[in-house]
Amino acid sequence: MGVQKAVRDSVRQAFRQMGDVVTDMTYTQFGVAVNNEDTATVTSAETAHAINAAPIDYKASEYVGLIEAGDSRVFLENVDLNFTPRIGDTVTFRGRTMRIVYPYEHFIGDEIAFYELQLRI
């Protein structure tokens, strides 16, 4: 328990040093589409989660490889999350909905301390 609290405290301190933490973000997790042959409909489960995360812009020098101009990223604490970020899910903040291109996991010891979500419109 002591290690988890130390990890959580370290991550929160790092987030405060990063800058603004946006508290009005929505993370939308998409489930598997289900095809109902009887009604000829396809339904997809969506679950919305309110999250607090720190958006940090990419620097021009980082636009190489898989990062494209216009991409954004947010840092999401792995504290009390009841979901795991996945490619294709979306994050909505500041009036824009962006899909997750890649969720990077950042560890402290054996614990995932936070996720860095690469986002694209």
N, C-alpha and C. Protein backbone atom coordinates (compact mmCIF):
# COMPACT_ATOMS: atom_id res chain seq x y z
N MET A 1 0.82 -1.19 0.00
CA MET A 1 0.00 0.00 0.00
C MET A 1 0.86 1.25 0.00
N GLY A 2 1.97 1.22 0.70
CA GLY A 2 2.86 2.37 0.77
C GLY A 2 3.47 2.71 -0.58
N VAL A 3 3.82 1.70 -1.38
CA VAL A 3 4.40 1.93 -2.70
C VAL A 3 3.37 2.57 -3.62
N GLN A 4 2.13 2.07 -3.61
CA GLN A 4 1.09 2.64 -4.46
C GLN A 4 0.82 4.10 -4.12
N LYS A 5 0.80 4.43 -2.84
CA LYS A 5 0.58 5.82 -2.43
C LYS A 5 1.75 6.69 -2.89
N ALA A 6 2.97 6.19 -2.76
CA ALA A 6 4.14 6.94 -3.21
C ALA A 6 4.11 7.18 -4.71
N VAL A 7 3.71 6.15 -5.48
CA VAL A 7 3.59 6.29 -6.93
C VAL A 7 2.54 7.33 -7.26
N ARG A 8 1.36 7.22 -6.63
CA ARG A 8 0.26 8.15 -6.88
C ARG A 8 0.67 9.59 -6.55
N ASP A 9 1.34 9.78 -5.42
CA ASP A 9 1.78 11.12 -5.02
C ASP A 9 2.81 11.68 -6.00
N SER A 10 3.74 10.83 -6.47
CA SER A 10 4.76 11.28 -7.43
C SER A 10 4.13 11.69 -8.75
N VAL A 11 3.16 10.90 -9.22
CA VAL A 11 2.50 11.21 -10.48
C VAL A 11 1.71 12.51 -10.35
N ARG A 12 0.99 12.68 -9.27
CA ARG A 12 0.21 13.92 -9.08
C ARG A 12 1.12 15.14 -9.02
N GLN A 13 2.26 15.02 -8.36
CA GLN A 13 3.21 16.13 -8.31
C GLN A 13 3.74 16.45 -9.71
N ALA A 14 4.04 15.43 -10.49
CA ALA A 14 4.53 15.64 -11.86
C ALA A 14 3.45 16.31 -12.70
N PHE A 15 2.20 15.91 -12.54
CA PHE A 15 1.10 16.52 -13.29
C PHE A 15 0.96 18.00 -12.95
N ARG A 16 1.11 18.34 -11.68
CA ARG A 16 1.01 19.76 -11.28
C ARG A 16 2.13 20.57 -11.93
N GLN A 17 3.30 19.99 -12.08
CA GLN A 17 4.43 20.70 -12.69
C GLN A 17 4.28 20.82 -14.20
N MET A 18 3.50 19.93 -14.84
CA MET A 18 3.30 19.97 -16.29
C MET A 18 2.51 21.19 -16.72
N GLY A 19 1.62 21.65 -15.88
CA GLY A 19 0.78 22.77 -16.26
C GLY A 19 -0.67 22.48 -15.96
N ASP A 20 -1.54 23.00 -16.79
CA ASP A 20 -2.97 22.89 -16.55
C ASP A 20 -3.47 21.47 -16.72
N VAL A 21 -4.24 21.05 -15.74
CA VAL A 21 -4.95 19.79 -15.85
C VAL A 21 -6.39 20.14 -16.21
N VAL A 22 -6.86 19.62 -17.33
CA VAL A 22 -8.21 19.91 -17.80
C VAL A 22 -9.16 18.92 -17.13
N THR A 23 -10.20 19.47 -16.51
CA THR A 23 -11.11 18.62 -15.75
C THR A 23 -12.40 18.32 -16.48
N ASP A 24 -12.61 18.92 -17.65
CA ASP A 24 -13.87 18.69 -18.36
C ASP A 24 -13.65 17.87 -19.63
N MET A 25 -12.87 16.81 -19.51
CA MET A 25 -12.63 15.91 -20.63
C MET A 25 -13.56 14.71 -20.53
N THR A 26 -13.90 14.17 -21.69
CA THR A 26 -14.69 12.94 -21.73
C THR A 26 -13.92 11.90 -22.53
N TYR A 27 -13.75 10.74 -21.94
CA TYR A 27 -13.13 9.61 -22.60
C TYR A 27 -14.26 8.67 -23.01
N THR A 28 -14.35 8.34 -24.29
CA THR A 28 -15.39 7.44 -24.77
C THR A 28 -14.76 6.13 -25.21
N GLN A 29 -15.19 5.08 -24.57
CA GLN A 29 -14.68 3.74 -24.85
C GLN A 29 -15.72 3.02 -25.70
N PHE A 30 -15.26 2.48 -26.81
CA PHE A 30 -16.16 1.79 -27.74
C PHE A 30 -16.05 0.30 -27.57
N GLY A 31 -17.22 -0.36 -27.52
CA GLY A 31 -17.26 -1.81 -27.39
C GLY A 31 -17.33 -2.46 -28.75
N VAL A 32 -17.49 -3.73 -28.74
CA VAL A 32 -17.58 -4.51 -29.98
C VAL A 32 -18.95 -4.32 -30.60
N ALA A 33 -18.99 -4.11 -31.90
CA ALA A 33 -20.27 -3.99 -32.61
C ALA A 33 -20.95 -5.35 -32.66
N VAL A 34 -22.26 -5.33 -32.45
CA VAL A 34 -23.05 -6.56 -32.45
C VAL A 34 -24.06 -6.48 -33.59
N ASN A 35 -24.06 -7.48 -34.44
CA ASN A 35 -24.97 -7.53 -35.58
C ASN A 35 -26.17 -8.40 -35.19
N ASN A 36 -27.35 -7.78 -35.18
CA ASN A 36 -28.59 -8.50 -34.87
C ASN A 36 -29.27 -8.84 -36.20
N GLU A 37 -29.17 -10.09 -36.60
CA GLU A 37 -29.72 -10.51 -37.89
C GLU A 37 -31.25 -10.46 -37.93
N ASP A 38 -31.88 -10.64 -36.77
CA ASP A 38 -33.36 -10.61 -36.72
C ASP A 38 -33.91 -9.23 -37.06
N THR A 39 -33.23 -8.18 -36.58
CA THR A 39 -33.73 -6.81 -36.81
C THR A 39 -32.92 -6.08 -37.87
N ALA A 40 -31.90 -6.72 -38.40
CA ALA A 40 -31.03 -6.12 -39.41
C ALA A 40 -30.40 -4.82 -38.91
N THR A 41 -29.97 -4.81 -37.63
CA THR A 41 -29.32 -3.63 -37.07
C THR A 41 -27.96 -4.01 -36.49
N VAL A 42 -27.09 -3.04 -36.45
CA VAL A 42 -25.78 -3.20 -35.82
C VAL A 42 -25.71 -2.20 -34.69
N THR A 43 -25.40 -2.67 -33.50
CA THR A 43 -25.28 -1.76 -32.36
C THR A 43 -23.86 -1.82 -31.83
N SER A 44 -23.41 -0.72 -31.31
CA SER A 44 -22.08 -0.62 -30.74
C SER A 44 -22.20 -0.02 -29.35
N ALA A 45 -21.59 -0.66 -28.39
CA ALA A 45 -21.64 -0.16 -27.01
C ALA A 45 -20.62 0.97 -26.84
N GLU A 46 -21.07 2.05 -26.24
CA GLU A 46 -20.20 3.18 -25.91
C GLU A 46 -20.32 3.45 -24.42
N THR A 47 -19.18 3.70 -23.80
CA THR A 47 -19.17 4.07 -22.39
C THR A 47 -18.37 5.35 -22.25
N ALA A 48 -18.99 6.38 -21.68
CA ALA A 48 -18.31 7.67 -21.49
C ALA A 48 -17.80 7.76 -20.05
N HIS A 49 -16.57 8.27 -19.91
CA HIS A 49 -15.95 8.45 -18.61
C HIS A 49 -15.49 9.90 -18.50
N ALA A 50 -15.80 10.56 -17.40
CA ALA A 50 -15.25 11.89 -17.14
C ALA A 50 -13.82 11.68 -16.63
N ILE A 51 -12.88 12.41 -17.22
CA ILE A 51 -11.47 12.25 -16.82
C ILE A 51 -10.83 13.60 -16.58
N ASN A 52 -9.74 13.58 -15.83
CA ASN A 52 -8.87 14.74 -15.66
C ASN A 52 -7.54 14.37 -16.29
N ALA A 53 -7.05 15.20 -17.18
CA ALA A 53 -5.81 14.89 -17.87
C ALA A 53 -5.08 16.18 -18.22
N ALA A 54 -3.81 16.06 -18.51
CA ALA A 54 -2.99 17.22 -18.84
C ALA A 54 -2.66 17.19 -20.33
N PRO A 55 -3.26 18.12 -21.12
CA PRO A 55 -2.90 18.17 -22.54
C PRO A 55 -1.57 18.92 -22.72
N ILE A 56 -0.69 18.33 -23.48
CA ILE A 56 0.62 18.93 -23.76
C ILE A 56 0.82 18.87 -25.27
N ASP A 57 1.09 20.00 -25.90
CA ASP A 57 1.30 20.02 -27.35
C ASP A 57 2.64 19.38 -27.70
N TYR A 58 2.67 18.76 -28.87
CA TYR A 58 3.93 18.25 -29.38
C TYR A 58 4.78 19.43 -29.85
N LYS A 59 6.09 19.31 -29.71
CA LYS A 59 7.01 20.31 -30.25
C LYS A 59 7.26 19.99 -31.72
N ALA A 60 7.62 21.00 -32.48
CA ALA A 60 7.86 20.81 -33.92
C ALA A 60 8.89 19.71 -34.16
N SER A 61 9.89 19.61 -33.31
CA SER A 61 10.94 18.61 -33.48
C SER A 61 10.44 17.18 -33.25
N GLU A 62 9.25 17.04 -32.67
CA GLU A 62 8.70 15.71 -32.40
C GLU A 62 7.86 15.17 -33.56
N TYR A 63 7.61 15.98 -34.58
CA TYR A 63 6.80 15.53 -35.72
C TYR A 63 7.64 14.67 -36.66
N VAL A 64 7.94 13.48 -36.18
CA VAL A 64 8.67 12.49 -36.98
C VAL A 64 8.01 11.14 -36.74
N GLY A 65 8.26 10.21 -37.60
CA GLY A 65 7.73 8.87 -37.42
C GLY A 65 6.21 8.85 -37.45
N LEU A 66 5.61 8.35 -36.39
CA LEU A 66 4.16 8.18 -36.34
C LEU A 66 3.41 9.42 -35.87
N ILE A 67 4.12 10.46 -35.46
CA ILE A 67 3.48 11.69 -35.00
C ILE A 67 3.33 12.62 -36.19
N GLU A 68 2.08 13.08 -36.42
CA GLU A 68 1.79 13.94 -37.56
C GLU A 68 1.42 15.34 -37.08
N ALA A 69 1.62 16.32 -37.95
CA ALA A 69 1.18 17.68 -37.65
C ALA A 69 -0.31 17.64 -37.34
N GLY A 70 -0.72 18.31 -36.29
CA GLY A 70 -2.12 18.31 -35.88
C GLY A 70 -2.42 17.32 -34.77
N ASP A 71 -1.52 16.37 -34.54
CA ASP A 71 -1.72 15.44 -33.43
C ASP A 71 -1.61 16.18 -32.11
N SER A 72 -2.30 15.68 -31.13
CA SER A 72 -2.22 16.20 -29.76
C SER A 72 -1.92 15.04 -28.85
N ARG A 73 -1.63 15.35 -27.60
CA ARG A 73 -1.45 14.29 -26.61
C ARG A 73 -1.96 14.77 -25.27
N VAL A 74 -2.42 13.83 -24.50
CA VAL A 74 -2.81 14.12 -23.13
C VAL A 74 -2.18 13.08 -22.23
N PHE A 75 -1.87 13.51 -21.04
CA PHE A 75 -1.33 12.62 -20.03
C PHE A 75 -2.44 12.33 -19.03
N LEU A 76 -2.71 11.04 -18.82
CA LEU A 76 -3.83 10.59 -18.00
C LEU A 76 -3.29 9.76 -16.84
N GLU A 77 -3.57 10.22 -15.62
CA GLU A 77 -3.14 9.48 -14.44
C GLU A 77 -3.82 8.12 -14.40
N ASN A 78 -3.09 7.12 -14.00
CA ASN A 78 -3.67 5.79 -13.81
C ASN A 78 -4.06 5.63 -12.34
N VAL A 79 -4.94 6.52 -11.90
CA VAL A 79 -5.41 6.50 -10.53
C VAL A 79 -6.92 6.34 -10.57
N ASP A 80 -7.39 5.26 -10.00
CA ASP A 80 -8.83 4.98 -9.93
C ASP A 80 -9.49 4.88 -11.32
N LEU A 81 -8.74 4.51 -12.35
CA LEU A 81 -9.34 4.30 -13.67
C LEU A 81 -10.05 2.95 -13.67
N ASN A 82 -11.24 2.91 -14.24
CA ASN A 82 -11.94 1.63 -14.37
C ASN A 82 -11.98 1.17 -15.82
N PHE A 83 -10.99 1.64 -16.60
CA PHE A 83 -10.85 1.22 -17.99
C PHE A 83 -9.38 1.31 -18.38
N THR A 84 -9.06 0.66 -19.48
CA THR A 84 -7.70 0.74 -20.04
C THR A 84 -7.79 1.45 -21.37
N PRO A 85 -7.05 2.56 -21.56
CA PRO A 85 -7.11 3.27 -22.85
C PRO A 85 -6.72 2.35 -24.01
N ARG A 86 -7.48 2.50 -25.13
CA ARG A 86 -7.25 1.65 -26.30
C ARG A 86 -7.25 2.48 -27.57
N ILE A 87 -6.55 1.98 -28.56
CA ILE A 87 -6.56 2.59 -29.89
C ILE A 87 -8.00 2.63 -30.39
N GLY A 88 -8.40 3.77 -30.96
CA GLY A 88 -9.73 3.92 -31.53
C GLY A 88 -10.75 4.55 -30.60
N ASP A 89 -10.51 4.52 -29.28
CA ASP A 89 -11.39 5.23 -28.36
C ASP A 89 -11.18 6.73 -28.59
N THR A 90 -12.03 7.56 -28.02
CA THR A 90 -11.91 9.00 -28.25
C THR A 90 -11.81 9.79 -26.94
N VAL A 91 -11.24 10.98 -27.06
CA VAL A 91 -11.16 11.94 -25.96
C VAL A 91 -11.72 13.25 -26.48
N THR A 92 -12.64 13.85 -25.73
CA THR A 92 -13.24 15.11 -26.11
C THR A 92 -12.87 16.17 -25.09
N PHE A 93 -12.29 17.27 -25.57
CA PHE A 93 -11.98 18.40 -24.71
C PHE A 93 -11.81 19.64 -25.57
N ARG A 94 -12.10 20.79 -24.95
CA ARG A 94 -12.01 22.07 -25.65
C ARG A 94 -12.79 22.06 -26.97
N GLY A 95 -13.94 21.39 -26.97
CA GLY A 95 -14.81 21.39 -28.13
C GLY A 95 -14.38 20.49 -29.28
N ARG A 96 -13.35 19.65 -29.07
CA ARG A 96 -12.88 18.77 -30.14
C ARG A 96 -12.90 17.32 -29.68
N THR A 97 -13.30 16.45 -30.58
CA THR A 97 -13.23 15.01 -30.30
C THR A 97 -12.11 14.44 -31.15
N MET A 98 -11.18 13.76 -30.48
CA MET A 98 -10.03 13.19 -31.16
C MET A 98 -9.95 11.71 -30.80
N ARG A 99 -9.50 10.89 -31.77
CA ARG A 99 -9.39 9.47 -31.49
C ARG A 99 -7.96 9.13 -31.06
N ILE A 100 -7.86 8.09 -30.28
CA ILE A 100 -6.56 7.65 -29.78
C ILE A 100 -5.85 6.89 -30.89
N VAL A 101 -4.68 7.39 -31.26
CA VAL A 101 -3.83 6.72 -32.24
C VAL A 101 -2.99 5.67 -31.53
N TYR A 102 -2.49 6.04 -30.34
CA TYR A 102 -1.69 5.09 -29.57
C TYR A 102 -1.67 5.49 -28.10
N PRO A 103 -1.93 4.55 -27.19
CA PRO A 103 -1.80 4.84 -25.76
C PRO A 103 -0.47 4.30 -25.23
N TYR A 104 0.43 5.18 -24.88
CA TYR A 104 1.72 4.79 -24.33
C TYR A 104 1.58 4.61 -22.83
N GLU A 105 2.13 3.54 -22.29
CA GLU A 105 2.11 3.28 -20.85
C GLU A 105 3.44 3.73 -20.26
N HIS A 106 3.38 4.48 -19.16
CA HIS A 106 4.58 4.91 -18.44
C HIS A 106 4.56 4.28 -17.05
N PHE A 107 5.61 3.57 -16.73
CA PHE A 107 5.67 2.80 -15.49
C PHE A 107 6.54 3.47 -14.44
N ILE A 108 6.19 3.25 -13.19
CA ILE A 108 7.08 3.47 -12.06
C ILE A 108 7.15 2.12 -11.38
N GLY A 109 8.30 1.48 -11.47
CA GLY A 109 8.40 0.11 -10.99
C GLY A 109 7.54 -0.79 -11.84
N ASP A 110 6.71 -1.59 -11.20
CA ASP A 110 5.81 -2.51 -11.90
C ASP A 110 4.44 -1.91 -12.16
N GLU A 111 4.21 -0.69 -11.69
CA GLU A 111 2.90 -0.05 -11.79
C GLU A 111 2.84 0.90 -13.00
N ILE A 112 1.72 0.87 -13.74
CA ILE A 112 1.50 1.89 -14.76
C ILE A 112 1.13 3.17 -14.01
N ALA A 113 1.99 4.17 -14.10
CA ALA A 113 1.76 5.42 -13.37
C ALA A 113 0.80 6.33 -14.14
N PHE A 114 1.01 6.40 -15.46
CA PHE A 114 0.13 7.22 -16.28
C PHE A 114 0.21 6.77 -17.72
N TYR A 115 -0.76 7.24 -18.49
CA TYR A 115 -0.82 6.97 -19.93
C TYR A 115 -0.56 8.28 -20.67
N GLU A 116 0.17 8.18 -21.75
CA GLU A 116 0.32 9.29 -22.69
C GLU A 116 -0.48 8.89 -23.92
N LEU A 117 -1.56 9.62 -24.17
CA LEU A 117 -2.46 9.27 -25.27
C LEU A 117 -2.16 10.16 -26.48
N GLN A 118 -1.70 9.55 -27.56
CA GLN A 118 -1.51 10.28 -28.81
C GLN A 118 -2.85 10.37 -29.51
N LEU A 119 -3.30 11.59 -29.81
CA LEU A 119 -4.63 11.84 -30.34
C LEU A 119 -4.56 12.44 -31.73
N ARG A 120 -5.58 12.14 -32.54
CA ARG A 120 -5.67 12.66 -33.90
C ARG A 120 -7.13 12.93 -34.24
N ILE A 121 -7.37 14.01 -34.99
CA ILE A 121 -8.74 14.33 -35.41
C ILE A 121 -9.18 13.35 -36.49
